[in-house]
């Protein structure tokens, strides 16, 4: 038998099947676009993270160097003040009157016909005061003679 097409039979409307296939394709397409977008975003964030690490390390190093610089500057200022003080003391040591005054105070050197009197400090005990007053008396007596 021959298979002949019957012209009296009409085909069913394929509208719903086409719509279903289109919606499935659209969902797959949307899912692919979402995955691709998220992947690009994730890779971009990773790249930004890796490229920003040296910047973060440089910022940390800069902060440490700034602190070290501030500390060195304060040390330099202190040393400059100390240098100025030492220069002042050297200039005083060039003055003969200052040297004579210093010798009289520290070494108990006296000019001719000058009497030295040592006054004990407050922290000394009474026995030390008694011995120092005896020494002062001896010194003044020796100088008078």
N, C-alpha and C. Protein backbone atom coordinates (compact mmCIF):
# COMPACT_ATOMS: atom_id res chain seq x y z
N UNK A 1 0.78 -1.16 0.00
CA UNK A 1 0.00 0.00 0.00
C UNK A 1 0.83 1.24 0.00
N UNK A 2 0.33 2.04 -0.67
CA UNK A 2 1.03 3.31 -0.76
C UNK A 2 0.54 4.23 0.34
N UNK A 3 1.52 4.88 0.76
CA UNK A 3 1.19 5.82 1.82
C UNK A 3 0.91 7.18 1.20
N UNK A 4 -0.25 7.57 1.24
CA UNK A 4 -0.58 8.85 0.63
C UNK A 4 -1.02 9.81 1.72
N UNK A 5 -0.76 10.97 1.43
CA UNK A 5 -1.13 11.99 2.40
C UNK A 5 -2.61 12.30 2.25
N UNK A 6 -3.13 12.38 3.35
CA UNK A 6 -4.53 12.71 3.34
C UNK A 6 -4.65 14.21 3.52
N UNK A 7 -5.34 14.79 2.60
CA UNK A 7 -5.43 16.23 2.64
C UNK A 7 -6.52 16.68 3.59
N UNK A 8 -7.25 15.81 4.09
CA UNK A 8 -8.30 16.17 5.01
C UNK A 8 -7.76 16.34 6.44
N UNK A 9 -6.60 15.85 6.69
CA UNK A 9 -6.03 15.95 8.04
C UNK A 9 -5.21 17.23 8.12
N UNK A 10 -5.47 17.95 9.10
CA UNK A 10 -4.68 19.17 9.32
C UNK A 10 -3.75 18.93 10.50
N UNK A 11 -2.70 19.59 10.46
CA UNK A 11 -1.73 19.44 11.54
C UNK A 11 -2.14 20.32 12.70
N UNK A 12 -1.71 19.84 13.88
CA UNK A 12 -2.00 20.61 15.08
C UNK A 12 -1.18 21.88 15.08
N UNK A 13 -1.69 22.80 15.76
CA UNK A 13 -0.98 24.07 15.87
C UNK A 13 0.28 23.87 16.71
N UNK A 14 1.43 24.21 16.22
CA UNK A 14 2.70 24.02 16.94
C UNK A 14 3.12 25.26 17.72
N UNK A 15 2.21 26.14 17.90
CA UNK A 15 2.52 27.39 18.60
C UNK A 15 2.99 27.13 20.02
N UNK A 16 2.31 26.29 20.76
CA UNK A 16 2.70 26.05 22.15
C UNK A 16 4.04 25.33 22.24
N UNK A 17 4.32 24.42 21.33
CA UNK A 17 5.60 23.71 21.32
C UNK A 17 6.73 24.68 20.98
N UNK A 18 6.50 25.55 20.02
CA UNK A 18 7.52 26.54 19.67
C UNK A 18 7.77 27.50 20.83
N UNK A 19 6.71 27.91 21.50
CA UNK A 19 6.86 28.80 22.64
C UNK A 19 7.65 28.12 23.74
N UNK A 20 7.39 26.89 23.99
CA UNK A 20 8.10 26.15 25.02
C UNK A 20 9.57 26.04 24.67
N UNK A 21 9.86 25.72 23.43
CA UNK A 21 11.26 25.65 23.01
C UNK A 21 11.94 27.01 23.08
N UNK A 22 11.25 28.04 22.69
CA UNK A 22 11.81 29.39 22.78
C UNK A 22 12.08 29.80 24.22
N UNK A 23 11.17 29.47 25.10
CA UNK A 23 11.37 29.85 26.51
C UNK A 23 12.53 29.07 27.11
N UNK A 24 12.67 27.80 26.72
CA UNK A 24 13.80 27.01 27.20
C UNK A 24 15.11 27.58 26.68
N UNK A 25 15.14 27.91 25.41
CA UNK A 25 16.35 28.52 24.83
C UNK A 25 16.67 29.85 25.50
N UNK A 26 15.63 30.65 25.76
CA UNK A 26 15.84 31.96 26.41
C UNK A 26 16.38 31.79 27.83
N UNK A 27 15.84 30.83 28.58
CA UNK A 27 16.35 30.57 29.93
C UNK A 27 17.80 30.12 29.90
N UNK A 28 18.13 29.24 28.93
CA UNK A 28 19.51 28.80 28.81
C UNK A 28 20.43 29.97 28.45
N UNK A 29 19.96 30.80 27.56
CA UNK A 29 20.75 31.97 27.14
C UNK A 29 20.96 32.92 28.33
N UNK A 30 19.88 33.20 29.08
CA UNK A 30 20.00 34.08 30.26
C UNK A 30 20.95 33.49 31.29
N UNK A 31 20.87 32.19 31.49
CA UNK A 31 21.75 31.53 32.45
C UNK A 31 23.21 31.64 32.00
N UNK A 32 23.47 31.44 30.71
CA UNK A 32 24.82 31.55 30.17
C UNK A 32 25.34 32.98 30.34
N UNK A 33 24.50 33.97 30.06
CA UNK A 33 24.90 35.38 30.19
C UNK A 33 25.21 35.70 31.66
N UNK A 34 24.39 35.22 32.60
CA UNK A 34 24.65 35.45 34.02
C UNK A 34 25.97 34.83 34.45
N UNK A 35 26.21 33.59 34.05
CA UNK A 35 27.45 32.91 34.43
C UNK A 35 28.66 33.63 33.83
N UNK A 36 28.54 34.03 32.58
CA UNK A 36 29.64 34.74 31.94
C UNK A 36 29.90 36.08 32.62
N UNK A 37 28.86 36.81 32.95
CA UNK A 37 29.01 38.11 33.62
C UNK A 37 29.65 37.94 35.00
N UNK A 38 29.17 36.96 35.75
CA UNK A 38 29.75 36.72 37.07
C UNK A 38 31.21 36.26 36.97
N UNK A 39 31.53 35.47 35.97
CA UNK A 39 32.91 35.02 35.78
C UNK A 39 33.82 36.21 35.45
N UNK A 40 33.38 37.07 34.56
CA UNK A 40 34.17 38.25 34.21
C UNK A 40 34.34 39.16 35.42
N UNK A 41 33.28 39.34 36.18
CA UNK A 41 33.34 40.16 37.39
C UNK A 41 34.32 39.56 38.41
N UNK A 42 34.26 38.26 38.60
CA UNK A 42 35.15 37.58 39.55
C UNK A 42 36.61 37.70 39.12
N UNK A 43 36.87 37.46 37.84
CA UNK A 43 38.25 37.58 37.33
C UNK A 43 38.73 39.02 37.44
N UNK A 44 37.86 39.97 37.16
CA UNK A 44 38.23 41.38 37.29
C UNK A 44 38.59 41.74 38.72
N UNK A 45 37.78 41.27 39.67
CA UNK A 45 38.07 41.54 41.07
C UNK A 45 39.38 40.90 41.51
N UNK A 46 39.66 39.69 41.03
CA UNK A 46 40.94 39.04 41.33
C UNK A 46 42.10 39.85 40.79
N UNK A 47 41.98 40.33 39.56
CA UNK A 47 43.04 41.13 38.96
C UNK A 47 43.26 42.44 39.73
N UNK A 48 42.17 43.07 40.10
CA UNK A 48 42.28 44.31 40.89
C UNK A 48 42.94 44.01 42.23
N UNK A 49 42.56 42.90 42.86
CA UNK A 49 43.16 42.53 44.15
C UNK A 49 44.65 42.28 44.04
N UNK A 50 45.05 41.54 43.01
CA UNK A 50 46.48 41.24 42.85
C UNK A 50 47.29 42.48 42.49
N UNK A 51 46.71 43.37 41.70
CA UNK A 51 47.45 44.57 41.33
C UNK A 51 47.48 45.59 42.45
N UNK A 52 46.54 45.52 43.38
CA UNK A 52 46.53 46.49 44.48
C UNK A 52 47.43 46.07 45.64
N UNK A 53 47.86 44.82 45.69
CA UNK A 53 48.72 44.36 46.79
C UNK A 53 50.03 45.15 46.87
N UNK A 54 50.74 45.40 45.76
CA UNK A 54 51.95 46.23 45.87
C UNK A 54 51.65 47.64 46.37
N UNK A 55 50.50 48.18 45.98
CA UNK A 55 50.14 49.52 46.46
C UNK A 55 49.93 49.52 47.97
N UNK A 56 49.30 48.50 48.48
CA UNK A 56 49.08 48.40 49.92
C UNK A 56 50.41 48.24 50.65
N UNK A 57 51.29 47.40 50.11
CA UNK A 57 52.61 47.23 50.72
C UNK A 57 53.42 48.51 50.67
N UNK A 58 53.33 49.24 49.57
CA UNK A 58 54.04 50.52 49.47
C UNK A 58 53.50 51.54 50.47
N UNK A 59 52.21 51.55 50.66
CA UNK A 59 51.60 52.47 51.63
C UNK A 59 52.11 52.14 53.03
N UNK A 60 52.17 50.86 53.37
CA UNK A 60 52.65 50.43 54.69
C UNK A 60 54.12 50.83 54.87
N UNK A 61 54.93 50.60 53.84
CA UNK A 61 56.35 50.94 53.91
C UNK A 61 56.52 52.45 54.02
N UNK A 62 55.72 53.21 53.31
CA UNK A 62 55.79 54.66 53.39
C UNK A 62 55.46 55.15 54.80
N UNK A 63 54.48 54.55 55.42
CA UNK A 63 54.12 54.92 56.79
C UNK A 63 55.28 54.63 57.74
N UNK A 64 55.92 53.47 57.59
CA UNK A 64 57.04 53.12 58.45
C UNK A 64 58.21 54.09 58.23
N UNK A 65 58.49 54.43 56.96
CA UNK A 65 59.58 55.35 56.67
C UNK A 65 59.28 56.74 57.21
N UNK A 66 58.03 57.14 57.17
CA UNK A 66 57.66 58.45 57.70
C UNK A 66 57.89 58.50 59.21
N UNK A 67 57.53 57.43 59.91
CA UNK A 67 57.76 57.38 61.35
C UNK A 67 59.25 57.40 61.66
N UNK A 68 60.03 56.62 60.90
CA UNK A 68 61.48 56.59 61.11
C UNK A 68 62.09 57.96 60.83
N UNK A 69 61.60 58.63 59.79
CA UNK A 69 62.11 59.96 59.44
C UNK A 69 61.82 60.95 60.56
N UNK A 70 60.62 60.91 61.11
CA UNK A 70 60.26 61.81 62.20
C UNK A 70 61.16 61.57 63.41
N UNK A 71 61.44 60.31 63.71
CA UNK A 71 62.31 59.98 64.84
C UNK A 71 63.74 60.49 64.59
N UNK A 72 64.23 60.31 63.39
CA UNK A 72 65.59 60.78 63.07
C UNK A 72 65.66 62.30 63.12
N UNK A 73 64.60 62.97 62.68
CA UNK A 73 64.58 64.43 62.72
C UNK A 73 64.65 64.93 64.16
N UNK A 74 63.90 64.29 65.06
CA UNK A 74 63.95 64.71 66.47
C UNK A 74 65.33 64.44 67.06
N UNK A 75 65.94 63.30 66.70
CA UNK A 75 67.29 63.02 67.18
C UNK A 75 68.27 64.05 66.66
N UNK A 76 68.12 64.45 65.40
CA UNK A 76 68.98 65.45 64.80
C UNK A 76 68.84 66.79 65.52
N UNK A 77 67.62 67.17 65.83
CA UNK A 77 67.40 68.43 66.56
C UNK A 77 68.06 68.38 67.94
N UNK A 78 67.92 67.24 68.62
CA UNK A 78 68.56 67.09 69.93
C UNK A 78 70.08 67.19 69.82
N UNK A 79 70.64 66.55 68.80
CA UNK A 79 72.09 66.60 68.61
C UNK A 79 72.56 68.00 68.25
N UNK A 80 71.77 68.72 67.48
CA UNK A 80 72.14 70.10 67.14
C UNK A 80 72.12 70.98 68.38
N UNK A 81 71.13 70.79 69.25
CA UNK A 81 71.09 71.55 70.50
C UNK A 81 72.31 71.22 71.36
N UNK A 82 72.65 69.93 71.42
CA UNK A 82 73.82 69.52 72.20
C UNK A 82 75.10 70.10 71.61
N UNK A 83 75.19 70.13 70.28
CA UNK A 83 76.37 70.71 69.63
C UNK A 83 76.48 72.19 69.95
N UNK A 84 75.35 72.91 69.90
CA UNK A 84 75.37 74.33 70.23
C UNK A 84 75.81 74.55 71.67
N UNK A 85 75.33 73.69 72.59
CA UNK A 85 75.72 73.79 73.99
C UNK A 85 77.22 73.55 74.14
N UNK A 86 77.74 72.55 73.45
CA UNK A 86 79.18 72.25 73.53
C UNK A 86 80.01 73.38 72.92
N UNK A 87 79.53 73.96 71.82
CA UNK A 87 80.24 75.11 71.23
C UNK A 87 80.27 76.28 72.21
N UNK A 88 79.18 76.48 72.92
CA UNK A 88 79.14 77.55 73.91
C UNK A 88 80.14 77.27 75.03
N UNK A 89 80.20 76.03 75.49
CA UNK A 89 81.15 75.68 76.54
C UNK A 89 82.58 75.84 76.06
N UNK A 90 82.86 75.49 74.81
CA UNK A 90 84.20 75.68 74.25
C UNK A 90 84.54 77.16 74.21
N UNK A 91 83.58 77.98 73.81
CA UNK A 91 83.85 79.43 73.78
C UNK A 91 84.10 79.96 75.18
N UNK A 92 83.43 79.39 76.19
CA UNK A 92 83.70 79.81 77.57
C UNK A 92 85.10 79.38 78.02
N UNK A 93 85.55 78.23 77.57
CA UNK A 93 86.87 77.76 77.96
C UNK A 93 87.99 78.58 77.32
N UNK A 94 87.66 79.34 76.30
CA UNK A 94 88.65 80.23 75.70
C UNK A 94 88.81 81.51 76.52
N UNK A 95 87.88 81.78 77.42
CA UNK A 95 87.92 82.98 78.26
C UNK A 95 88.74 82.68 79.52
N UNK A 96 89.79 83.47 79.74
CA UNK A 96 90.67 83.23 80.88
C UNK A 96 89.98 83.47 82.22
N UNK A 97 89.10 84.44 82.29
CA UNK A 97 88.39 84.71 83.55
C UNK A 97 87.49 83.54 83.92
N UNK A 98 86.85 82.96 82.95
CA UNK A 98 85.99 81.80 83.21
C UNK A 98 86.82 80.62 83.70
N UNK A 99 87.97 80.40 83.09
CA UNK A 99 88.85 79.30 83.51
C UNK A 99 89.31 79.51 84.94
N UNK A 100 89.66 80.74 85.28
CA UNK A 100 90.10 81.04 86.65
C UNK A 100 88.96 80.80 87.63
N UNK A 101 87.77 81.24 87.29
CA UNK A 101 86.60 81.04 88.15
C UNK A 101 86.31 79.54 88.32
N UNK A 102 86.39 78.81 87.23
CA UNK A 102 86.15 77.37 87.27
C UNK A 102 87.20 76.67 88.13
N UNK A 103 88.45 77.08 88.02
CA UNK A 103 89.52 76.47 88.82
C UNK A 103 89.30 76.76 90.30
N UNK A 104 88.87 77.96 90.62
CA UNK A 104 88.61 78.30 92.03
C UNK A 104 87.46 77.47 92.58
N UNK A 105 86.42 77.24 91.78
CA UNK A 105 85.27 76.49 92.26
C UNK A 105 85.56 74.99 92.36
N UNK A 106 86.12 74.42 91.33
CA UNK A 106 86.29 72.97 91.27
C UNK A 106 87.53 72.48 91.99
N UNK A 107 88.63 73.21 91.85
CA UNK A 107 89.90 72.73 92.38
C UNK A 107 90.35 73.45 93.65
N UNK A 108 89.53 74.37 94.14
CA UNK A 108 89.85 75.14 95.34
C UNK A 108 91.18 75.88 95.20
N UNK A 109 91.41 76.43 94.03
CA UNK A 109 92.60 77.25 93.80
C UNK A 109 92.26 78.67 94.21
N UNK A 110 93.21 79.33 94.82
CA UNK A 110 92.93 80.70 95.28
C UNK A 110 93.99 81.65 94.75
N UNK A 111 93.58 82.89 94.65
CA UNK A 111 94.53 83.95 94.30
C UNK A 111 95.33 84.30 95.54
N UNK A 112 96.45 84.95 95.36
CA UNK A 112 97.21 85.37 96.55
C UNK A 112 96.35 86.29 97.43
N UNK A 113 96.48 86.11 98.74
CA UNK A 113 95.75 86.91 99.74
C UNK A 113 94.23 86.67 99.64
N UNK A 114 93.80 85.52 99.16
CA UNK A 114 92.38 85.20 99.07
C UNK A 114 92.09 84.05 100.04
N UNK A 115 91.00 84.14 100.76
CA UNK A 115 90.61 83.12 101.74
C UNK A 115 89.48 82.28 101.15
N UNK A 116 89.64 80.94 101.22
CA UNK A 116 88.61 80.02 100.73
C UNK A 116 87.80 79.47 101.88
N UNK A 117 86.50 79.45 101.69
CA UNK A 117 85.61 78.88 102.70
C UNK A 117 84.71 77.88 101.99
N UNK A 118 84.79 76.62 102.42
CA UNK A 118 83.95 75.58 101.85
C UNK A 118 82.70 75.42 102.71
N UNK A 119 81.55 75.51 102.10
CA UNK A 119 80.28 75.33 102.81
C UNK A 119 79.77 73.94 102.47
N UNK A 120 79.53 73.12 103.50
CA UNK A 120 79.09 71.75 103.22
C UNK A 120 77.66 71.74 102.66
N UNK A 121 77.37 70.68 101.93
CA UNK A 121 76.04 70.53 101.36
C UNK A 121 75.06 70.10 102.45
N UNK A 122 73.78 70.28 102.25
CA UNK A 122 72.76 69.96 103.25
C UNK A 122 72.64 68.47 103.49
N UNK A 123 72.99 67.64 102.54
CA UNK A 123 72.83 66.20 102.66
C UNK A 123 73.87 65.56 103.59
N UNK A 124 74.95 66.26 103.87
CA UNK A 124 76.00 65.68 104.70
C UNK A 124 75.53 65.53 106.14
N UNK A 125 76.06 64.56 106.84
CA UNK A 125 75.69 64.36 108.24
C UNK A 125 76.43 65.34 109.12
N UNK A 126 76.07 65.39 110.38
CA UNK A 126 76.70 66.33 111.28
C UNK A 126 78.17 66.02 111.50
N UNK A 127 78.52 64.75 111.48
CA UNK A 127 79.92 64.41 111.65
C UNK A 127 80.74 64.93 110.48
N UNK A 128 80.16 64.87 109.27
CA UNK A 128 80.84 65.42 108.10
C UNK A 128 80.95 66.93 108.22
N UNK A 129 79.93 67.58 108.76
CA UNK A 129 79.96 69.03 108.92
C UNK A 129 81.04 69.42 109.92
N UNK A 130 81.15 68.66 110.98
CA UNK A 130 82.17 68.98 111.99
C UNK A 130 83.57 68.85 111.40
N UNK A 131 83.81 67.79 110.65
CA UNK A 131 85.13 67.60 110.06
C UNK A 131 85.41 68.64 109.00
N UNK A 132 84.37 69.03 108.23
CA UNK A 132 84.60 70.03 107.19
C UNK A 132 84.86 71.40 107.81
N UNK A 133 84.20 71.73 108.88
CA UNK A 133 84.47 73.02 109.52
C UNK A 133 85.87 73.04 110.10
N UNK A 134 86.36 71.92 110.58
CA UNK A 134 87.73 71.86 111.09
C UNK A 134 88.70 72.03 109.94
N UNK A 135 88.41 71.43 108.79
CA UNK A 135 89.28 71.57 107.63
C UNK A 135 89.29 73.02 107.17
N UNK A 136 88.12 73.67 107.19
CA UNK A 136 88.05 75.07 106.78
C UNK A 136 88.89 75.93 107.72
N UNK A 137 88.81 75.66 108.98
CA UNK A 137 89.59 76.43 109.94
C UNK A 137 91.08 76.24 109.68
N UNK A 138 91.47 74.99 109.40
CA UNK A 138 92.88 74.71 109.12
C UNK A 138 93.31 75.44 107.85
N UNK A 139 92.46 75.43 106.82
CA UNK A 139 92.81 76.08 105.57
C UNK A 139 92.95 77.59 105.78
N UNK A 140 92.02 78.18 106.47
CA UNK A 140 92.10 79.63 106.69
C UNK A 140 93.31 79.98 107.54
N UNK A 141 93.66 79.13 108.51
CA UNK A 141 94.84 79.39 109.32
C UNK A 141 96.11 79.26 108.50
N UNK A 142 96.16 78.26 107.62
CA UNK A 142 97.33 78.07 106.76
C UNK A 142 97.49 79.23 105.80
N UNK A 143 96.39 79.72 105.29
CA UNK A 143 96.46 80.81 104.35
C UNK A 143 96.90 82.11 105.02
N UNK A 144 96.51 82.29 106.23
CA UNK A 144 96.86 83.51 106.96
C UNK A 144 98.35 83.51 107.27
N UNK A 145 98.90 82.35 107.50
CA UNK A 145 100.32 82.26 107.87
C UNK A 145 101.14 82.43 106.66
